[in-house]
Amino acid sequence: MKFSEVKDLSKVELVKRINEKKNEMFQLKMKHSLGLLANPLSIRNERREMAVMMTALNQKNAETKES
């Protein structure tokens, strides 16, 4: 998911999606530890997508504090 797509989401939606990504990360890490994960690079991709969402959320929080 690109930043341009994420920055248009509301704060509530961002928090919801970040929590979903955290859950997916947990599942991927568990599968990886058990040797069931076919593509270990998917962990990196999920982590990066979550970072993009967290960056957008932090920017929105900073904008509201300035106002």
Protein backbone atom coordinates (compact mmCIF):
# COMPACT_ATOMS: atom_id res chain seq x y z
CA MET A 1 0.00 0.00 0.00
CA LYS A 2 1.45 3.35 -0.99
CA PHE A 3 1.65 6.40 1.23
CA SER A 4 -0.59 8.36 -1.13
CA GLU A 5 -3.34 5.79 -0.52
CA VAL A 6 -2.81 5.72 3.24
CA LYS A 7 -2.71 9.47 3.90
CA ASP A 8 -6.36 9.85 2.86
CA LEU A 9 -7.60 7.44 5.52
CA SER A 10 -9.10 8.66 8.78
CA LYS A 11 -7.36 8.20 12.12
CA VAL A 12 -9.83 5.54 13.18
CA GLU A 13 -9.30 3.59 9.97
CA LEU A 14 -5.52 3.85 10.31
CA VAL A 15 -5.59 2.53 13.88
CA LYS A 16 -7.85 -0.32 12.78
CA ARG A 17 -5.56 -1.27 9.90
CA ILE A 18 -2.42 -1.01 12.05
CA ASN A 19 -3.97 -3.44 14.54
CA GLU A 20 -4.84 -5.80 11.69
CA LYS A 21 -1.25 -5.62 10.42
CA LYS A 22 0.09 -6.37 13.91
CA ASN A 23 -2.12 -9.45 14.04
CA GLU A 24 -0.97 -10.53 10.57
CA MET A 25 2.67 -10.01 11.60
CA PHE A 26 2.16 -12.23 14.63
CA GLN A 27 0.64 -14.95 12.47
CA LEU A 28 3.46 -14.70 9.91
CA LYS A 29 6.13 -14.88 12.62
CA MET A 30 4.49 -17.94 14.14
CA LYS A 31 4.31 -19.67 10.76
CA HIS A 32 7.93 -18.76 10.10
CA SER A 33 9.08 -20.18 13.42
CA LEU A 34 7.24 -23.43 12.66
CA GLY A 35 8.67 -23.59 9.15
CA LEU A 36 5.29 -23.26 7.46
CA LEU A 37 5.87 -19.90 5.79
CA ALA A 38 6.49 -20.25 2.07
CA ASN A 39 7.78 -16.70 1.54
CA PRO A 40 9.68 -15.21 4.50
CA LEU A 41 9.91 -11.87 2.69
CA SER A 42 6.22 -11.40 3.38
CA ILE A 43 7.20 -10.52 6.97
CA ARG A 44 9.30 -7.63 5.68
CA ASN A 45 6.52 -6.42 3.39
CA GLU A 46 3.95 -6.44 6.21
CA ARG A 47 6.35 -4.59 8.52
CA ARG A 48 6.96 -1.91 5.91
CA GLU A 49 3.25 -1.46 5.20
CA MET A 50 2.62 -1.10 8.92
CA ALA A 51 5.40 1.51 9.13
CA VAL A 52 3.80 3.54 6.33
CA MET A 53 0.48 3.50 8.18
CA MET A 54 2.10 4.48 11.47
CA THR A 55 3.91 7.37 9.76
CA ALA A 56 0.63 8.65 8.33
CA LEU A 57 -1.02 8.37 11.74
CA ASN A 58 1.82 10.27 13.42
CA GLN A 59 1.56 13.02 10.83
CA LYS A 60 -2.17 13.35 11.41
CA ASN A 61 -1.59 13.50 15.18
CA ALA A 62 1.05 16.20 14.73
CA GLU A 63 -1.32 18.25 12.58
CA THR A 64 -4.03 18.21 15.23
CA LYS A 65 -1.58 19.23 17.98
CA GLU A 66 -0.44 22.23 15.94
CA SER A 67 -3.99 23.45 15.36
